[in-house]
């Protein structure tokens, strides 16, 4: 996929519903929490996980080399995107 196509996952990582499937193996999981029921005047935090995934579309695990660390952190651990926690906004 090109950097602007394909399913929306964090930094083009493999997307798995790991909360539904316990057989998935991983070291690090990216898990969104779309929750803003605690705010009263300006809600919008529920869009945070989508915005972070949208902003990470220019990143890729293949070119994740960090000069600070002198390594690619994606090669040391199995990192996946587990999607968002299923939240019921009416039952908090």
PDB file of N, CA and C in Angstrom:
ATOM      1  N   UNK A   1       0.821  -1.188   0.000  1.00  0.00           N
ATOM      2  CA  UNK A   1       0.000   0.000   0.000  1.00  0.00           C
ATOM      3  C   UNK A   1       0.868   1.256   0.000  1.00  0.00           C
ATOM      4  N   UNK A   2       0.356   2.278  -0.601  1.00  0.00           N
ATOM      5  CA  UNK A   2       1.004   3.573  -0.530  1.00  0.00           C
ATOM      6  C   UNK A   2       0.767   4.169   0.852  1.00  0.00           C
ATOM      7  N   UNK A   3       1.484   5.219   1.189  1.00  0.00           N
ATOM      8  CA  UNK A   3       1.353   5.802   2.526  1.00  0.00           C
ATOM      9  C   UNK A   3       0.000   6.445   2.761  1.00  0.00           C
ATOM     10  N   UNK A   4      -0.753   6.715   1.713  1.00  0.00           N
ATOM     11  CA  UNK A   4      -2.058   7.363   1.874  1.00  0.00           C
ATOM     12  C   UNK A   4      -3.217   6.444   1.494  1.00  0.00           C
ATOM     13  N   UNK A   5      -2.962   5.140   1.345  1.00  0.00           N
ATOM     14  CA  UNK A   5      -4.025   4.195   1.019  1.00  0.00           C
ATOM     15  C   UNK A   5      -4.030   3.060   2.033  1.00  0.00           C
ATOM     16  N   UNK A   6      -5.005   2.200   1.918  1.00  0.00           N
ATOM     17  CA  UNK A   6      -5.067   1.026   2.775  1.00  0.00           C
ATOM     18  C   UNK A   6      -5.825   1.288   4.059  1.00  0.00           C
ATOM     19  N   UNK A   7      -5.989   0.251   4.861  1.00  0.00           N
ATOM     20  CA  UNK A   7      -6.707   0.422   6.129  1.00  0.00           C
ATOM     21  C   UNK A   7      -5.927   1.303   7.092  1.00  0.00           C
ATOM     22  N   UNK A   8      -6.644   1.977   7.957  1.00  0.00           N
ATOM     23  CA  UNK A   8      -6.014   2.909   8.885  1.00  0.00           C
ATOM     24  C   UNK A   8      -5.545   2.160  10.128  1.00  0.00           C
ATOM     25  N   UNK A   9      -4.250   1.989  10.250  1.00  0.00           N
ATOM     26  CA  UNK A   9      -3.653   1.417  11.456  1.00  0.00           C
ATOM     27  C   UNK A   9      -2.468   2.290  11.832  1.00  0.00           C
ATOM     28  N   UNK A  10      -2.029   2.170  13.053  1.00  0.00           N
ATOM     29  CA  UNK A  10      -0.932   3.006  13.526  1.00  0.00           C
ATOM     30  C   UNK A  10       0.341   2.646  12.766  1.00  0.00           C
ATOM     31  N   UNK A  11       0.902   3.591  12.067  1.00  0.00           N
ATOM     32  CA  UNK A  11       2.190   3.462  11.385  1.00  0.00           C
ATOM     33  C   UNK A  11       2.253   2.250  10.453  1.00  0.00           C
ATOM     34  N   UNK A  12       1.131   1.910   9.837  1.00  0.00           N
ATOM     35  CA  UNK A  12       1.024   0.780   8.909  1.00  0.00           C
ATOM     36  C   UNK A  12       1.385  -0.550   9.555  1.00  0.00           C
ATOM     37  N   UNK A  13       1.167  -0.674  10.852  1.00  0.00           N
ATOM     38  CA  UNK A  13       1.416  -1.932  11.547  1.00  0.00           C
ATOM     39  C   UNK A  13       0.285  -2.909  11.253  1.00  0.00           C
ATOM     40  N   UNK A  14       0.520  -4.200  11.471  1.00  0.00           N
ATOM     41  CA  UNK A  14      -0.577  -5.160  11.294  1.00  0.00           C
ATOM     42  C   UNK A  14      -1.730  -4.842  12.253  1.00  0.00           C
ATOM     43  N   UNK A  15      -2.941  -4.884  11.731  1.00  0.00           N
ATOM     44  CA  UNK A  15      -4.137  -4.575  12.524  1.00  0.00           C
ATOM     45  C   UNK A  15      -4.806  -5.876  12.928  1.00  0.00           C
ATOM     46  N   UNK A  16      -5.015  -6.055  14.223  1.00  0.00           N
ATOM     47  CA  UNK A  16      -5.636  -7.258  14.760  1.00  0.00           C
ATOM     48  C   UNK A  16      -6.580  -6.863  15.881  1.00  0.00           C
ATOM     49  N   UNK A  17      -7.704  -7.512  15.967  1.00  0.00           N
ATOM     50  CA  UNK A  17      -8.626  -7.287  17.081  1.00  0.00           C
ATOM     51  C   UNK A  17      -8.172  -8.177  18.236  1.00  0.00           C
ATOM     52  N   UNK A  18      -7.092  -7.791  18.902  1.00  0.00           N
ATOM     53  CA  UNK A  18      -6.489  -8.658  19.918  1.00  0.00           C
ATOM     54  C   UNK A  18      -7.336  -8.767  21.178  1.00  0.00           C
ATOM     55  N   UNK A  19      -8.280  -7.875  21.404  1.00  0.00           N
ATOM     56  CA  UNK A  19      -9.182  -8.028  22.542  1.00  0.00           C
ATOM     57  C   UNK A  19     -10.205  -9.137  22.296  1.00  0.00           C
ATOM     58  N   UNK A  20     -10.495  -9.433  21.042  1.00  0.00           N
ATOM     59  CA  UNK A  20     -11.435 -10.492  20.687  1.00  0.00           C
ATOM     60  C   UNK A  20     -10.745 -11.836  20.468  1.00  0.00           C
ATOM     61  N   UNK A  21      -9.484 -11.805  20.049  1.00  0.00           N
ATOM     62  CA  UNK A  21      -8.739 -13.019  19.719  1.00  0.00           C
ATOM     63  C   UNK A  21      -7.549 -13.157  20.657  1.00  0.00           C
ATOM     64  N   UNK A  22      -7.636 -14.073  21.617  1.00  0.00           N
ATOM     65  CA  UNK A  22      -6.558 -14.222  22.600  1.00  0.00           C
ATOM     66  C   UNK A  22      -5.379 -15.021  22.071  1.00  0.00           C
ATOM     67  N   UNK A  23      -5.485 -15.577  20.878  1.00  0.00           N
ATOM     68  CA  UNK A  23      -4.374 -16.357  20.327  1.00  0.00           C
ATOM     69  C   UNK A  23      -3.327 -15.476  19.648  1.00  0.00           C
ATOM     70  N   UNK A  24      -3.580 -14.202  19.520  1.00  0.00           N
ATOM     71  CA  UNK A  24      -2.629 -13.288  18.884  1.00  0.00           C
ATOM     72  C   UNK A  24      -1.426 -13.078  19.797  1.00  0.00           C
ATOM     73  N   UNK A  25      -0.241 -13.240  19.239  1.00  0.00           N
ATOM     74  CA  UNK A  25       0.982 -13.022  20.016  1.00  0.00           C
ATOM     75  C   UNK A  25       1.617 -11.699  19.614  1.00  0.00           C
ATOM     76  N   UNK A  26       2.061 -10.948  20.608  1.00  0.00           N
ATOM     77  CA  UNK A  26       2.696  -9.654  20.362  1.00  0.00           C
ATOM     78  C   UNK A  26       3.490  -9.263  21.597  1.00  0.00           C
ATOM     79  N   UNK A  27       4.403  -8.329  21.417  1.00  0.00           N
ATOM     80  CA  UNK A  27       5.161  -7.769  22.528  1.00  0.00           C
ATOM     81  C   UNK A  27       4.601  -6.415  22.960  1.00  0.00           C
ATOM     82  N   UNK A  28       4.244  -5.596  21.965  1.00  0.00           N
ATOM     83  CA  UNK A  28       3.710  -4.254  22.223  1.00  0.00           C
ATOM     84  C   UNK A  28       2.442  -4.078  21.407  1.00  0.00           C
ATOM     85  N   UNK A  29       1.389  -3.579  22.056  1.00  0.00           N
ATOM     86  CA  UNK A  29       0.118  -3.346  21.364  1.00  0.00           C
ATOM     87  C   UNK A  29      -0.231  -1.868  21.427  1.00  0.00           C
ATOM     88  N   UNK A  30      -0.636  -1.322  20.311  1.00  0.00           N
ATOM     89  CA  UNK A  30      -1.173   0.027  20.252  1.00  0.00           C
ATOM     90  C   UNK A  30      -2.680  -0.114  20.432  1.00  0.00           C
ATOM     91  N   UNK A  31      -3.215   0.501  21.476  1.00  0.00           N
ATOM     92  CA  UNK A  31      -4.620   0.335  21.812  1.00  0.00           C
ATOM     93  C   UNK A  31      -5.239   1.709  22.057  1.00  0.00           C
ATOM     94  N   UNK A  32      -6.271   2.032  21.292  1.00  0.00           N
ATOM     95  CA  UNK A  32      -6.929   3.330  21.421  1.00  0.00           C
ATOM     96  C   UNK A  32      -8.011   3.311  22.490  1.00  0.00           C
ATOM     97  N   UNK A  33      -8.211   4.464  23.123  1.00  0.00           N
ATOM     98  CA  UNK A  33      -9.246   4.610  24.152  1.00  0.00           C
ATOM     99  C   UNK A  33     -10.099   5.832  23.804  1.00  0.00           C
ATOM    100  N   UNK A  34     -11.132   5.665  22.954  1.00  0.00           N
ATOM    101  CA  UNK A  34     -11.955   6.806  22.536  1.00  0.00           C
ATOM    102  C   UNK A  34     -12.975   7.190  23.607  1.00  0.00           C
ATOM    103  N   UNK A  35     -12.536   7.913  24.607  1.00  0.00           N
ATOM    104  CA  UNK A  35     -13.379   8.223  25.761  1.00  0.00           C
ATOM    105  C   UNK A  35     -13.322   9.712  26.054  1.00  0.00           C
ATOM    106  N   UNK A  36     -14.461  10.358  26.101  1.00  0.00           N
ATOM    107  CA  UNK A  36     -14.498  11.753  26.520  1.00  0.00           C
ATOM    108  C   UNK A  36     -15.769  12.068  27.310  1.00  0.00           C
ATOM    109  N   UNK A  37     -16.333  11.071  27.952  1.00  0.00           N
ATOM    110  CA  UNK A  37     -17.560  11.286  28.729  1.00  0.00           C
ATOM    111  C   UNK A  37     -17.309  12.059  30.013  1.00  0.00           C
ATOM    112  N   UNK A  38     -16.066  12.209  30.420  1.00  0.00           N
ATOM    113  CA  UNK A  38     -15.761  12.924  31.659  1.00  0.00           C
ATOM    114  C   UNK A  38     -15.733  14.434  31.461  1.00  0.00           C
ATOM    115  N   UNK A  39     -15.816  14.881  30.229  1.00  0.00           N
ATOM    116  CA  UNK A  39     -15.796  16.325  29.966  1.00  0.00           C
ATOM    117  C   UNK A  39     -17.227  16.844  29.843  1.00  0.00           C
ATOM    118  N   UNK A  40     -17.407  18.124  30.136  1.00  0.00           N
ATOM    119  CA  UNK A  40     -18.769  18.647  30.107  1.00  0.00           C
ATOM    120  C   UNK A  40     -18.983  19.719  29.034  1.00  0.00           C
ATOM    121  N   UNK A  41     -17.955  20.474  28.683  1.00  0.00           N
ATOM    122  CA  UNK A  41     -18.179  21.603  27.792  1.00  0.00           C
ATOM    123  C   UNK A  41     -17.657  21.367  26.377  1.00  0.00           C
ATOM    124  N   UNK A  42     -16.446  20.841  26.247  1.00  0.00           N
ATOM    125  CA  UNK A  42     -15.847  20.686  24.926  1.00  0.00           C
ATOM    126  C   UNK A  42     -15.415  19.249  24.689  1.00  0.00           C
ATOM    127  N   UNK A  43     -16.342  18.350  24.374  1.00  0.00           N
ATOM    128  CA  UNK A  43     -15.944  16.974  24.101  1.00  0.00           C
ATOM    129  C   UNK A  43     -15.180  16.879  22.783  1.00  0.00           C
ATOM    130  N   UNK A  44     -14.467  15.820  22.611  1.00  0.00           N
ATOM    131  CA  UNK A  44     -13.714  15.608  21.376  1.00  0.00           C
ATOM    132  C   UNK A  44     -12.556  14.659  21.547  1.00  0.00           C
ATOM    133  N   UNK A  45     -12.248  14.282  22.779  1.00  0.00           N
ATOM    134  CA  UNK A  45     -11.144  13.356  23.011  1.00  0.00           C
ATOM    135  C   UNK A  45     -11.414  11.989  22.403  1.00  0.00           C
ATOM    136  N   UNK A  46     -12.669  11.674  22.133  1.00  0.00           N
ATOM    137  CA  UNK A  46     -12.989  10.377  21.527  1.00  0.00           C
ATOM    138  C   UNK A  46     -12.421  10.252  20.118  1.00  0.00           C
ATOM    139  N   UNK A  47     -12.084  11.381  19.499  1.00  0.00           N
ATOM    140  CA  UNK A  47     -11.490  11.357  18.166  1.00  0.00           C
ATOM    141  C   UNK A  47      -9.973  11.242  18.215  1.00  0.00           C
ATOM    142  N   UNK A  48      -9.389  11.205  19.407  1.00  0.00           N
ATOM    143  CA  UNK A  48      -7.940  11.143  19.568  1.00  0.00           C
ATOM    144  C   UNK A  48      -7.283   9.930  18.937  1.00  0.00           C
ATOM    145  N   UNK A  49      -7.759   8.694  19.184  1.00  0.00           N
ATOM    146  CA  UNK A  49      -7.118   7.533  18.564  1.00  0.00           C
ATOM    147  C   UNK A  49      -7.130   7.587  17.041  1.00  0.00           C
ATOM    148  N   UNK A  50      -8.231   8.036  16.454  1.00  0.00           N
ATOM    149  CA  UNK A  50      -8.287   8.168  14.995  1.00  0.00           C
ATOM    150  C   UNK A  50      -7.282   9.208  14.503  1.00  0.00           C
ATOM    151  N   UNK A  51      -7.182  10.329  15.211  1.00  0.00           N
ATOM    152  CA  UNK A  51      -6.257  11.383  14.803  1.00  0.00           C
ATOM    153  C   UNK A  51      -4.800  10.928  14.919  1.00  0.00           C
ATOM    154  N   UNK A  52      -4.479  10.184  15.955  1.00  0.00           N
ATOM    155  CA  UNK A  52      -3.110   9.680  16.102  1.00  0.00           C
ATOM    156  C   UNK A  52      -2.787   8.683  14.997  1.00  0.00           C
ATOM    157  N   UNK A  53      -3.738   7.800  14.667  1.00  0.00           N
ATOM    158  CA  UNK A  53      -3.495   6.858  13.566  1.00  0.00           C
ATOM    159  C   UNK A  53      -3.387   7.586  12.232  1.00  0.00           C
ATOM    160  N   UNK A  54      -4.190   8.614  12.031  1.00  0.00           N
ATOM    161  CA  UNK A  54      -4.096   9.395  10.790  1.00  0.00           C
ATOM    162  C   UNK A  54      -2.760  10.104  10.690  1.00  0.00           C
ATOM    163  N   UNK A  55      -2.282  10.647  11.794  1.00  0.00           N
ATOM    164  CA  UNK A  55      -1.001  11.336  11.791  1.00  0.00           C
ATOM    165  C   UNK A  55       0.183  10.422  11.607  1.00  0.00           C
ATOM    166  N   UNK A  56       0.019   9.143  11.910  1.00  0.00           N
ATOM    167  CA  UNK A  56       1.139   8.208  11.792  1.00  0.00           C
ATOM    168  C   UNK A  56       1.220   7.561  10.412  1.00  0.00           C
ATOM    169  N   UNK A  57       0.390   7.971   9.484  1.00  0.00           N
ATOM    170  CA  UNK A  57       0.388   7.339   8.155  1.00  0.00           C
ATOM    171  C   UNK A  57       1.677   7.579   7.384  1.00  0.00           C
ATOM    172  N   UNK A  58       2.431   8.587   7.762  1.00  0.00           N
ATOM    173  CA  UNK A  58       3.701   8.851   7.078  1.00  0.00           C
ATOM    174  C   UNK A  58       4.838   8.017   7.638  1.00  0.00           C
ATOM    175  N   UNK A  59       4.572   7.299   8.724  1.00  0.00           N
ATOM    176  CA  UNK A  59       5.586   6.439   9.322  1.00  0.00           C
ATOM    177  C   UNK A  59       5.425   5.018   8.806  1.00  0.00           C
ATOM    178  N   UNK A  60       6.482   4.233   8.957  1.00  0.00           N
ATOM    179  CA  UNK A  60       6.451   2.849   8.540  1.00  0.00           C
ATOM    180  C   UNK A  60       7.441   2.063   9.377  1.00  0.00           C
ATOM    181  N   UNK A  61       7.110   0.837   9.747  1.00  0.00           N
ATOM    182  CA  UNK A  61       8.062   0.046  10.525  1.00  0.00           C
ATOM    183  C   UNK A  61       9.369  -0.221   9.781  1.00  0.00           C
ATOM    184  N   UNK A  62       9.318  -0.252   8.452  1.00  0.00           N
ATOM    185  CA  UNK A  62      10.520  -0.516   7.670  1.00  0.00           C
ATOM    186  C   UNK A  62      11.531   0.611   7.717  1.00  0.00           C
ATOM    187  N   UNK A  63      11.071   1.825   7.952  1.00  0.00           N
ATOM    188  CA  UNK A  63      11.983   2.975   8.003  1.00  0.00           C
ATOM    189  C   UNK A  63      11.893   3.651   9.364  1.00  0.00           C
ATOM    190  N   UNK A  64      11.802   2.854  10.405  1.00  0.00           N
ATOM    191  CA  UNK A  64      11.665   3.392  11.750  1.00  0.00           C
ATOM    192  C   UNK A  64      12.983   3.562  12.465  1.00  0.00           C
ATOM    193  N   UNK A  65      14.076   3.702  11.728  1.00  0.00           N
ATOM    194  CA  UNK A  65      15.390   3.821  12.354  1.00  0.00           C
ATOM    195  C   UNK A  65      15.493   5.136  13.123  1.00  0.00           C
ATOM    196  N   UNK A  66      15.990   5.058  14.355  1.00  0.00           N
ATOM    197  CA  UNK A  66      16.146   6.237  15.201  1.00  0.00           C
ATOM    198  C   UNK A  66      17.621   6.526  15.397  1.00  0.00           C
ATOM    199  N   UNK A  67      18.042   7.745  15.082  1.00  0.00           N
ATOM    200  CA  UNK A  67      19.435   8.119  15.285  1.00  0.00           C
ATOM    201  C   UNK A  67      19.791   8.164  16.767  1.00  0.00           C
ATOM    202  N   UNK A  68      18.814   8.533  17.618  1.00  0.00           N
ATOM    203  CA  UNK A  68      19.088   8.590  19.054  1.00  0.00           C
ATOM    204  C   UNK A  68      19.447   7.214  19.604  1.00  0.00           C
ATOM    205  N   UNK A  69      18.745   6.201  19.130  1.00  0.00           N
ATOM    206  CA  UNK A  69      18.925   4.848  19.651  1.00  0.00           C
ATOM    207  C   UNK A  69      19.879   4.017  18.797  1.00  0.00           C
ATOM    208  N   UNK A  70      20.181   4.489  17.576  1.00  0.00           N
ATOM    209  CA  UNK A  70      21.029   3.770  16.625  1.00  0.00           C
ATOM    210  C   UNK A  70      20.461   2.390  16.271  1.00  0.00           C
ATOM    211  N   UNK A  71      19.144   2.311  16.174  1.00  0.00           N
ATOM    212  CA  UNK A  71      18.485   1.055  15.828  1.00  0.00           C
ATOM    213  C   UNK A  71      17.048   1.324  15.384  1.00  0.00           C
ATOM    214  N   UNK A  72      16.424   0.319  14.834  1.00  0.00           N
ATOM    215  CA  UNK A  72      15.014   0.366  14.469  1.00  0.00           C
ATOM    216  C   UNK A  72      14.235  -0.367  15.563  1.00  0.00           C
ATOM    217  N   UNK A  73      13.419   0.326  16.366  1.00  0.00           N
ATOM    218  CA  UNK A  73      12.729  -0.352  17.471  1.00  0.00           C
ATOM    219  C   UNK A  73      11.711  -1.395  17.008  1.00  0.00           C
ATOM    220  N   UNK A  74      11.245  -1.305  15.771  1.00  0.00           N
ATOM    221  CA  UNK A  74      10.278  -2.277  15.275  1.00  0.00           C
ATOM    222  C   UNK A  74      10.916  -3.635  15.007  1.00  0.00           C
ATOM    223  N   UNK A  75      12.225  -3.719  14.915  1.00  0.00           N
ATOM    224  CA  UNK A  75      12.886  -5.006  14.691  1.00  0.00           C
ATOM    225  C   UNK A  75      13.137  -5.751  15.993  1.00  0.00           C
ATOM    226  N   UNK A  76      13.033  -5.095  17.125  1.00  0.00           N
ATOM    227  CA  UNK A  76      13.299  -5.718  18.424  1.00  0.00           C
ATOM    228  C   UNK A  76      12.062  -6.337  19.049  1.00  0.00           C
ATOM    229  N   UNK A  77      10.876  -5.916  18.645  1.00  0.00           N
ATOM    230  CA  UNK A  77       9.648  -6.386  19.276  1.00  0.00           C
ATOM    231  C   UNK A  77       8.558  -6.541  18.223  1.00  0.00           C
ATOM    232  N   UNK A  78       7.610  -7.412  18.493  1.00  0.00           N
ATOM    233  CA  UNK A  78       6.444  -7.596  17.639  1.00  0.00           C
ATOM    234  C   UNK A  78       5.393  -6.565  18.061  1.00  0.00           C
ATOM    235  N   UNK A  79       5.202  -5.550  17.218  1.00  0.00           N
ATOM    236  CA  UNK A  79       4.288  -4.457  17.524  1.00  0.00           C
ATOM    237  C   UNK A  79       3.082  -4.567  16.594  1.00  0.00           C
ATOM    238  N   UNK A  80       1.876  -4.494  17.171  1.00  0.00           N
ATOM    239  CA  UNK A  80       0.656  -4.544  16.368  1.00  0.00           C
ATOM    240  C   UNK A  80      -0.296  -3.459  16.839  1.00  0.00           C
ATOM    241  N   UNK A  81      -1.264  -3.153  15.992  1.00  0.00           N
ATOM    242  CA  UNK A  81      -2.330  -2.217  16.332  1.00  0.00           C
ATOM    243  C   UNK A  81      -3.560  -3.045  16.682  1.00  0.00           C
ATOM    244  N   UNK A  82      -4.047  -2.898  17.895  1.00  0.00           N
ATOM    245  CA  UNK A  82      -5.205  -3.682  18.365  1.00  0.00           C
ATOM    246  C   UNK A  82      -6.519  -2.944  18.213  1.00  0.00           C
ATOM    247  N   UNK A  83      -6.525  -1.800  17.595  1.00  0.00           N
ATOM    248  CA  UNK A  83      -7.772  -1.066  17.415  1.00  0.00           C
ATOM    249  C   UNK A  83      -8.143  -0.281  18.657  1.00  0.00           C
ATOM    250  N   UNK A  84      -9.423  -0.034  18.825  1.00  0.00           N
ATOM    251  CA  UNK A  84      -9.924   0.753  19.951  1.00  0.00           C
ATOM    252  C   UNK A  84     -10.655  -0.142  20.954  1.00  0.00           C
ATOM    253  N   UNK A  85     -10.619   0.277  22.192  1.00  0.00           N
ATOM    254  CA  UNK A  85     -11.385  -0.394  23.237  1.00  0.00           C
ATOM    255  C   UNK A  85     -12.860  -0.132  22.961  1.00  0.00           C
ATOM    256  N   UNK A  86     -13.707  -1.167  22.975  1.00  0.00           N
ATOM    257  CA  UNK A  86     -15.130  -0.924  22.733  1.00  0.00           C
ATOM    258  C   UNK A  86     -15.759  -0.200  23.926  1.00  0.00           C
ATOM    259  N   UNK A  87     -16.112   1.053  23.719  1.00  0.00           N
ATOM    260  CA  UNK A  87     -16.653   1.910  24.768  1.00  0.00           C
ATOM    261  C   UNK A  87     -18.133   2.149  24.500  1.00  0.00           C
ATOM    262  N   UNK A  88     -18.924   2.086  25.541  1.00  0.00           N
ATOM    263  CA  UNK A  88     -20.328   2.457  25.444  1.00  0.00           C
ATOM    264  C   UNK A  88     -20.460   3.863  26.038  1.00  0.00           C
ATOM    265  N   UNK A  89     -20.695   4.882  25.219  1.00  0.00           N
ATOM    266  CA  UNK A  89     -20.732   6.251  25.744  1.00  0.00           C
ATOM    267  C   UNK A  89     -21.925   6.549  26.650  1.00  0.00           C
ATOM    268  N   UNK A  90     -22.899   5.648  26.703  1.00  0.00           N
ATOM    269  CA  UNK A  90     -24.094   5.906  27.503  1.00  0.00           C
ATOM    270  C   UNK A  90     -24.069   5.207  28.860  1.00  0.00           C
ATOM    271  N   UNK A  91     -23.048   4.383  29.113  1.00  0.00           N
ATOM    272  CA  UNK A  91     -22.972   3.626  30.364  1.00  0.00           C
ATOM    273  C   UNK A  91     -21.610   3.827  30.990  1.00  0.00           C
ATOM    274  N   UNK A  92     -21.440   4.900  31.753  1.00  0.00           N
ATOM    275  CA  UNK A  92     -20.144   5.200  32.366  1.00  0.00           C
ATOM    276  C   UNK A  92     -20.266   5.230  33.861  1.00  0.00           C
TER     277      UNK A  92
END
